[in-house]
Amino acid sequence: MIRKLLPYCAFGLVLVSLDTPAFAYLDGATGSMLVQSVIGGVAAAAMFGRHYLAKAKTALARIFGKGPAARDS
């Protein structure tokens, strides 16, 4: 079992040793864009869920006879 894992471990060590630093810099504007993207994604998911929850409630109300279609008759 160990002999089977040895090539994979060696390959992993080679990959780790070839890693070079990225010299990346994130300024305040980049952080602000990331926060805004997260907030926008949460808001979009909430609106998407709210829309389909309302559709599901309407469909269930129609099925059980308590919806707008039942009141009109």
PDB file of N, CA and C in Angstrom:
ATOM      1  N   MET A   1       0.822  -1.190   0.000  1.00  0.00           N
ATOM      2  CA  MET A   1       0.000   0.000   0.000  1.00  0.00           C
ATOM      3  C   MET A   1       0.866   1.253   0.000  1.00  0.00           C
ATOM      4  N   ILE A   2       1.915   1.228   0.814  1.00  0.00           N
ATOM      5  CA  ILE A   2       2.796   2.392   0.889  1.00  0.00           C
ATOM      6  C   ILE A   2       3.551   2.582  -0.419  1.00  0.00           C
ATOM      7  N   ARG A   3       3.912   1.503  -1.073  1.00  0.00           N
ATOM      8  CA  ARG A   3       4.620   1.601  -2.345  1.00  0.00           C
ATOM      9  C   ARG A   3       3.741   2.227  -3.426  1.00  0.00           C
ATOM     10  N   LYS A   4       2.438   2.040  -3.315  1.00  0.00           N
ATOM     11  CA  LYS A   4       1.527   2.652  -4.282  1.00  0.00           C
ATOM     12  C   LYS A   4       1.390   4.157  -4.048  1.00  0.00           C
ATOM     13  N   LEU A   5       1.477   4.579  -2.806  1.00  0.00           N
ATOM     14  CA  LEU A   5       1.335   5.993  -2.473  1.00  0.00           C
ATOM     15  C   LEU A   5       2.624   6.783  -2.658  1.00  0.00           C
ATOM     16  N   LEU A   6       3.750   6.128  -2.687  1.00  0.00           N
ATOM     17  CA  LEU A   6       5.043   6.810  -2.764  1.00  0.00           C
ATOM     18  C   LEU A   6       5.170   7.694  -4.000  1.00  0.00           C
ATOM     19  N   PRO A   7       4.814   7.258  -5.202  1.00  0.00           N
ATOM     20  CA  PRO A   7       4.930   8.158  -6.361  1.00  0.00           C
ATOM     21  C   PRO A   7       4.041   9.401  -6.240  1.00  0.00           C
ATOM     22  N   TYR A   8       2.853   9.229  -5.673  1.00  0.00           N
ATOM     23  CA  TYR A   8       1.963  10.374  -5.513  1.00  0.00           C
ATOM     24  C   TYR A   8       2.520  11.376  -4.496  1.00  0.00           C
ATOM     25  N   CYS A   9       3.086  10.878  -3.429  1.00  0.00           N
ATOM     26  CA  CYS A   9       3.696  11.762  -2.430  1.00  0.00           C
ATOM     27  C   CYS A   9       4.888  12.499  -3.020  1.00  0.00           C
ATOM     28  N   ALA A  10       5.712  11.794  -3.790  1.00  0.00           N
ATOM     29  CA  ALA A  10       6.863  12.423  -4.430  1.00  0.00           C
ATOM     30  C   ALA A  10       6.408  13.497  -5.408  1.00  0.00           C
ATOM     31  N   PHE A  11       5.379  13.211  -6.183  1.00  0.00           N
ATOM     32  CA  PHE A  11       4.850  14.189  -7.127  1.00  0.00           C
ATOM     33  C   PHE A  11       4.308  15.416  -6.397  1.00  0.00           C
ATOM     34  N   GLY A  12       3.625  15.202  -5.273  1.00  0.00           N
ATOM     35  CA  GLY A  12       3.115  16.309  -4.474  1.00  0.00           C
ATOM     36  C   GLY A  12       4.236  17.172  -3.918  1.00  0.00           C
ATOM     37  N   LEU A  13       5.321  16.545  -3.458  1.00  0.00           N
ATOM     38  CA  LEU A  13       6.461  17.308  -2.945  1.00  0.00           C
ATOM     39  C   LEU A  13       7.116  18.132  -4.049  1.00  0.00           C
ATOM     40  N   VAL A  14       7.209  17.574  -5.244  1.00  0.00           N
ATOM     41  CA  VAL A  14       7.781  18.317  -6.369  1.00  0.00           C
ATOM     42  C   VAL A  14       6.898  19.522  -6.695  1.00  0.00           C
ATOM     43  N   LEU A  15       5.604  19.339  -6.717  1.00  0.00           N
ATOM     44  CA  LEU A  15       4.705  20.454  -7.010  1.00  0.00           C
ATOM     45  C   LEU A  15       4.803  21.562  -5.966  1.00  0.00           C
ATOM     46  N   VAL A  16       4.894  21.181  -4.706  1.00  0.00           N
ATOM     47  CA  VAL A  16       4.997  22.176  -3.638  1.00  0.00           C
ATOM     48  C   VAL A  16       6.315  22.925  -3.717  1.00  0.00           C
ATOM     49  N   SER A  17       7.385  22.228  -4.093  1.00  0.00           N
ATOM     50  CA  SER A  17       8.683  22.886  -4.147  1.00  0.00           C
ATOM     51  C   SER A  17       8.801  23.824  -5.339  1.00  0.00           C
ATOM     52  N   LEU A  18       7.977  23.653  -6.358  1.00  0.00           N
ATOM     53  CA  LEU A  18       8.034  24.532  -7.526  1.00  0.00           C
ATOM     54  C   LEU A  18       7.161  25.769  -7.371  1.00  0.00           C
ATOM     55  N   ASP A  19       6.504  25.908  -6.264  1.00  0.00           N
ATOM     56  CA  ASP A  19       5.620  27.031  -6.032  1.00  0.00           C
ATOM     57  C   ASP A  19       6.423  28.321  -5.928  1.00  0.00           C
ATOM     58  N   THR A  20       5.943  29.384  -6.596  1.00  0.00           N
ATOM     59  CA  THR A  20       6.604  30.689  -6.524  1.00  0.00           C
ATOM     60  C   THR A  20       5.640  31.689  -5.897  1.00  0.00           C
ATOM     61  N   PRO A  21       6.153  32.702  -5.227  1.00  0.00           N
ATOM     62  CA  PRO A  21       5.267  33.701  -4.623  1.00  0.00           C
ATOM     63  C   PRO A  21       4.510  34.494  -5.691  1.00  0.00           C
ATOM     64  N   ALA A  22       3.285  34.918  -5.364  1.00  0.00           N
ATOM     65  CA  ALA A  22       2.436  35.600  -6.336  1.00  0.00           C
ATOM     66  C   ALA A  22       2.664  37.103  -6.350  1.00  0.00           C
ATOM     67  N   PHE A  23       3.158  37.686  -5.279  1.00  0.00           N
ATOM     68  CA  PHE A  23       3.343  39.126  -5.149  1.00  0.00           C
ATOM     69  C   PHE A  23       2.040  39.865  -5.441  1.00  0.00           C
ATOM     70  N   ALA A  24       0.935  39.356  -4.900  1.00  0.00           N
ATOM     71  CA  ALA A  24      -0.379  39.949  -5.125  1.00  0.00           C
ATOM     72  C   ALA A  24      -0.650  41.027  -4.083  1.00  0.00           C
ATOM     73  N   TYR A  25      -1.420  42.009  -4.494  1.00  0.00           N
ATOM     74  CA  TYR A  25      -1.790  43.100  -3.601  1.00  0.00           C
ATOM     75  C   TYR A  25      -3.277  43.382  -3.765  1.00  0.00           C
ATOM     76  N   LEU A  26      -4.010  43.393  -2.683  1.00  0.00           N
ATOM     77  CA  LEU A  26      -5.425  43.731  -2.712  1.00  0.00           C
ATOM     78  C   LEU A  26      -5.608  45.058  -1.988  1.00  0.00           C
ATOM     79  N   ASP A  27      -6.006  46.080  -2.730  1.00  0.00           N
ATOM     80  CA  ASP A  27      -6.225  47.377  -2.096  1.00  0.00           C
ATOM     81  C   ASP A  27      -7.662  47.483  -1.583  1.00  0.00           C
ATOM     82  N   GLY A  28      -8.012  48.634  -1.048  1.00  0.00           N
ATOM     83  CA  GLY A  28      -9.335  48.818  -0.456  1.00  0.00           C
ATOM     84  C   GLY A  28     -10.461  48.695  -1.458  1.00  0.00           C
ATOM     85  N   ALA A  29     -10.240  49.164  -2.681  1.00  0.00           N
ATOM     86  CA  ALA A  29     -11.295  49.092  -3.697  1.00  0.00           C
ATOM     87  C   ALA A  29     -11.604  47.646  -4.060  1.00  0.00           C
ATOM     88  N   THR A  30     -10.591  46.804  -4.105  1.00  0.00           N
ATOM     89  CA  THR A  30     -10.814  45.399  -4.429  1.00  0.00           C
ATOM     90  C   THR A  30     -11.611  44.728  -3.311  1.00  0.00           C
ATOM     91  N   GLY A  31     -11.268  45.003  -2.095  1.00  0.00           N
ATOM     92  CA  GLY A  31     -12.011  44.448  -0.969  1.00  0.00           C
ATOM     93  C   GLY A  31     -13.449  44.930  -0.959  1.00  0.00           C
ATOM     94  N   SER A  32     -13.651  46.198  -1.291  1.00  0.00           N
ATOM     95  CA  SER A  32     -15.004  46.744  -1.360  1.00  0.00           C
ATOM     96  C   SER A  32     -15.811  46.063  -2.455  1.00  0.00           C
ATOM     97  N   MET A  33     -15.193  45.793  -3.604  1.00  0.00           N
ATOM     98  CA  MET A  33     -15.891  45.096  -4.689  1.00  0.00           C
ATOM     99  C   MET A  33     -16.257  43.684  -4.275  1.00  0.00           C
ATOM    100  N   LEU A  34     -15.387  43.008  -3.548  1.00  0.00           N
ATOM    101  CA  LEU A  34     -15.688  41.657  -3.081  1.00  0.00           C
ATOM    102  C   LEU A  34     -16.865  41.660  -2.109  1.00  0.00           C
ATOM    103  N   VAL A  35     -16.870  42.594  -1.183  1.00  0.00           N
ATOM    104  CA  VAL A  35     -17.968  42.686  -0.218  1.00  0.00           C
ATOM    105  C   VAL A  35     -19.275  43.010  -0.934  1.00  0.00           C
ATOM    106  N   GLN A  36     -19.227  43.936  -1.903  1.00  0.00           N
ATOM    107  CA  GLN A  36     -20.413  44.306  -2.656  1.00  0.00           C
ATOM    108  C   GLN A  36     -20.938  43.124  -3.463  1.00  0.00           C
ATOM    109  N   SER A  37     -20.053  42.326  -4.018  1.00  0.00           N
ATOM    110  CA  SER A  37     -20.466  41.149  -4.775  1.00  0.00           C
ATOM    111  C   SER A  37     -21.156  40.131  -3.877  1.00  0.00           C
ATOM    112  N   VAL A  38     -20.629  39.928  -2.685  1.00  0.00           N
ATOM    113  CA  VAL A  38     -21.245  38.984  -1.750  1.00  0.00           C
ATOM    114  C   VAL A  38     -22.625  39.476  -1.330  1.00  0.00           C
ATOM    115  N   ILE A  39     -22.743  40.751  -1.012  1.00  0.00           N
ATOM    116  CA  ILE A  39     -24.030  41.309  -0.606  1.00  0.00           C
ATOM    117  C   ILE A  39     -25.029  41.234  -1.757  1.00  0.00           C
ATOM    118  N   GLY A  40     -24.587  41.538  -2.967  1.00  0.00           N
ATOM    119  CA  GLY A  40     -25.463  41.452  -4.131  1.00  0.00           C
ATOM    120  C   GLY A  40     -25.920  40.028  -4.391  1.00  0.00           C
ATOM    121  N   GLY A  41     -25.019  39.065  -4.221  1.00  0.00           N
ATOM    122  CA  GLY A  41     -25.396  37.664  -4.407  1.00  0.00           C
ATOM    123  C   GLY A  41     -26.421  37.206  -3.392  1.00  0.00           C
ATOM    124  N   VAL A  42     -26.254  37.628  -2.154  1.00  0.00           N
ATOM    125  CA  VAL A  42     -27.218  37.264  -1.111  1.00  0.00           C
ATOM    126  C   VAL A  42     -28.575  37.907  -1.399  1.00  0.00           C
ATOM    127  N   ALA A  43     -28.580  39.169  -1.822  1.00  0.00           N
ATOM    128  CA  ALA A  43     -29.837  39.850  -2.137  1.00  0.00           C
ATOM    129  C   ALA A  43     -30.522  39.195  -3.335  1.00  0.00           C
ATOM    130  N   ALA A  44     -29.761  38.836  -4.355  1.00  0.00           N
ATOM    131  CA  ALA A  44     -30.342  38.180  -5.528  1.00  0.00           C
ATOM    132  C   ALA A  44     -30.923  36.825  -5.161  1.00  0.00           C
ATOM    133  N   ALA A  45     -30.221  36.073  -4.335  1.00  0.00           N
ATOM    134  CA  ALA A  45     -30.726  34.769  -3.904  1.00  0.00           C
ATOM    135  C   ALA A  45     -32.006  34.933  -3.078  1.00  0.00           C
ATOM    136  N   ALA A  46     -32.063  35.963  -2.244  1.00  0.00           N
ATOM    137  CA  ALA A  46     -33.259  36.207  -1.437  1.00  0.00           C
ATOM    138  C   ALA A  46     -34.450  36.561  -2.324  1.00  0.00           C
ATOM    139  N   MET A  47     -34.241  37.411  -3.324  1.00  0.00           N
ATOM    140  CA  MET A  47     -35.334  37.785  -4.219  1.00  0.00           C
ATOM    141  C   MET A  47     -35.770  36.599  -5.076  1.00  0.00           C
ATOM    142  N   PHE A  48     -34.839  35.816  -5.522  1.00  0.00           N
ATOM    143  CA  PHE A  48     -35.142  34.617  -6.312  1.00  0.00           C
ATOM    144  C   PHE A  48     -35.969  33.649  -5.472  1.00  0.00           C
ATOM    145  N   GLY A  49     -35.550  33.422  -4.239  1.00  0.00           N
ATOM    146  CA  GLY A  49     -36.279  32.531  -3.344  1.00  0.00           C
ATOM    147  C   GLY A  49     -37.651  33.068  -2.991  1.00  0.00           C
ATOM    148  N   ARG A  50     -37.746  34.366  -2.775  1.00  0.00           N
ATOM    149  CA  ARG A  50     -39.024  34.975  -2.425  1.00  0.00           C
ATOM    150  C   ARG A  50     -40.026  34.835  -3.574  1.00  0.00           C
ATOM    151  N   HIS A  51     -39.547  35.033  -4.798  1.00  0.00           N
ATOM    152  CA  HIS A  51     -40.414  34.929  -5.978  1.00  0.00           C
ATOM    153  C   HIS A  51     -40.962  33.514  -6.116  1.00  0.00           C
ATOM    154  N   TYR A  52     -40.095  32.528  -6.011  1.00  0.00           N
ATOM    155  CA  TYR A  52     -40.542  31.157  -6.184  1.00  0.00           C
ATOM    156  C   TYR A  52     -41.312  30.632  -4.971  1.00  0.00           C
ATOM    157  N   LEU A  53     -41.074  31.177  -3.809  1.00  0.00           N
ATOM    158  CA  LEU A  53     -41.879  30.815  -2.646  1.00  0.00           C
ATOM    159  C   LEU A  53     -43.307  31.328  -2.816  1.00  0.00           C
ATOM    160  N   ALA A  54     -43.455  32.533  -3.352  1.00  0.00           N
ATOM    161  CA  ALA A  54     -44.789  33.082  -3.604  1.00  0.00           C
ATOM    162  C   ALA A  54     -45.513  32.257  -4.667  1.00  0.00           C
ATOM    163  N   LYS A  55     -44.782  31.832  -5.705  1.00  0.00           N
ATOM    164  CA  LYS A  55     -45.402  30.989  -6.728  1.00  0.00           C
ATOM    165  C   LYS A  55     -45.846  29.650  -6.140  1.00  0.00           C
ATOM    166  N   ALA A  56     -45.033  29.084  -5.262  1.00  0.00           N
ATOM    167  CA  ALA A  56     -45.385  27.807  -4.640  1.00  0.00           C
ATOM    168  C   ALA A  56     -46.607  27.965  -3.735  1.00  0.00           C
ATOM    169  N   LYS A  57     -46.685  29.056  -2.987  1.00  0.00           N
ATOM    170  CA  LYS A  57     -47.842  29.294  -2.115  1.00  0.00           C
ATOM    171  C   LYS A  57     -49.113  29.433  -2.944  1.00  0.00           C
ATOM    172  N   THR A  58     -49.016  30.169  -4.059  1.00  0.00           N
ATOM    173  CA  THR A  58     -50.176  30.345  -4.921  1.00  0.00           C
ATOM    174  C   THR A  58     -50.625  29.008  -5.507  1.00  0.00           C
ATOM    175  N   ALA A  59     -49.682  28.201  -5.946  1.00  0.00           N
ATOM    176  CA  ALA A  59     -50.021  26.898  -6.519  1.00  0.00           C
ATOM    177  C   ALA A  59     -50.674  25.999  -5.474  1.00  0.00           C
ATOM    178  N   LEU A  60     -50.143  25.980  -4.269  1.00  0.00           N
ATOM    179  CA  LEU A  60     -50.735  25.161  -3.211  1.00  0.00           C
ATOM    180  C   LEU A  60     -52.115  25.664  -2.821  1.00  0.00           C
ATOM    181  N   ALA A  61     -52.304  26.987  -2.811  1.00  0.00           N
ATOM    182  CA  ALA A  61     -53.618  27.546  -2.482  1.00  0.00           C
ATOM    183  C   ALA A  61     -54.639  27.165  -3.549  1.00  0.00           C
ATOM    184  N   ARG A  62     -54.215  27.141  -4.806  1.00  0.00           N
ATOM    185  CA  ARG A  62     -55.127  26.734  -5.873  1.00  0.00           C
ATOM    186  C   ARG A  62     -55.462  25.248  -5.762  1.00  0.00           C
ATOM    187  N   ILE A  63     -54.483  24.448  -5.406  1.00  0.00           N
ATOM    188  CA  ILE A  63     -54.716  23.008  -5.281  1.00  0.00           C
ATOM    189  C   ILE A  63     -55.722  22.718  -4.171  1.00  0.00           C
ATOM    190  N   PHE A  64     -55.586  23.411  -3.039  1.00  0.00           N
ATOM    191  CA  PHE A  64     -56.460  23.151  -1.895  1.00  0.00           C
ATOM    192  C   PHE A  64     -57.709  24.031  -1.887  1.00  0.00           C
ATOM    193  N   GLY A  65     -57.936  24.807  -2.951  1.00  0.00           N
ATOM    194  CA  GLY A  65     -59.177  25.564  -3.099  1.00  0.00           C
ATOM    195  C   GLY A  65     -59.269  26.839  -2.304  1.00  0.00           C
ATOM    196  N   LYS A  66     -58.157  27.417  -1.886  1.00  0.00           N
ATOM    197  CA  LYS A  66     -58.204  28.650  -1.106  1.00  0.00           C
ATOM    198  C   LYS A  66     -57.580  29.819  -1.859  1.00  0.00           C
ATOM    199  N   GLY A  67     -57.269  29.621  -3.125  1.00  0.00           N
ATOM    200  CA  GLY A  67     -56.585  30.638  -3.904  1.00  0.00           C
ATOM    201  C   GLY A  67     -57.529  31.610  -4.580  1.00  0.00           C
ATOM    202  N   PRO A  68     -57.002  32.574  -5.342  1.00  0.00           N
ATOM    203  CA  PRO A  68     -57.813  33.555  -6.037  1.00  0.00           C
ATOM    204  C   PRO A  68     -58.778  32.926  -7.037  1.00  0.00           C
ATOM    205  N   ALA A  69     -58.421  31.812  -7.641  1.00  0.00           N
ATOM    206  CA  ALA A  69     -59.291  31.157  -8.609  1.00  0.00           C
ATOM    207  C   ALA A  69     -60.544  30.622  -7.920  1.00  0.00           C
ATOM    208  N   ALA A  70     -60.438  30.174  -6.687  1.00  0.00           N
ATOM    209  CA  ALA A  70     -61.580  29.638  -5.950  1.00  0.00           C
ATOM    210  C   ALA A  70     -62.494  30.756  -5.465  1.00  0.00           C
ATOM    211  N   ARG A  71     -61.977  31.920  -5.177  1.00  0.00           N
ATOM    212  CA  ARG A  71     -62.774  33.043  -4.666  1.00  0.00           C
ATOM    213  C   ARG A  71     -63.622  33.669  -5.770  1.00  0.00           C
ATOM    214  N   ASP A  72     -63.153  33.637  -7.007  1.00  0.00           N
ATOM    215  CA  ASP A  72     -63.869  34.251  -8.109  1.00  0.00           C
ATOM    216  C   ASP A  72     -65.164  33.508  -8.427  1.00  0.00           C
ATOM    217  N   SER A  73     -65.237  32.208  -8.158  1.00  0.00           N
ATOM    218  CA  SER A  73     -66.407  31.430  -8.533  1.00  0.00           C
ATOM    219  C   SER A  73     -67.546  31.628  -7.570  1.00  0.00           C
TER     220      SER A  73
END
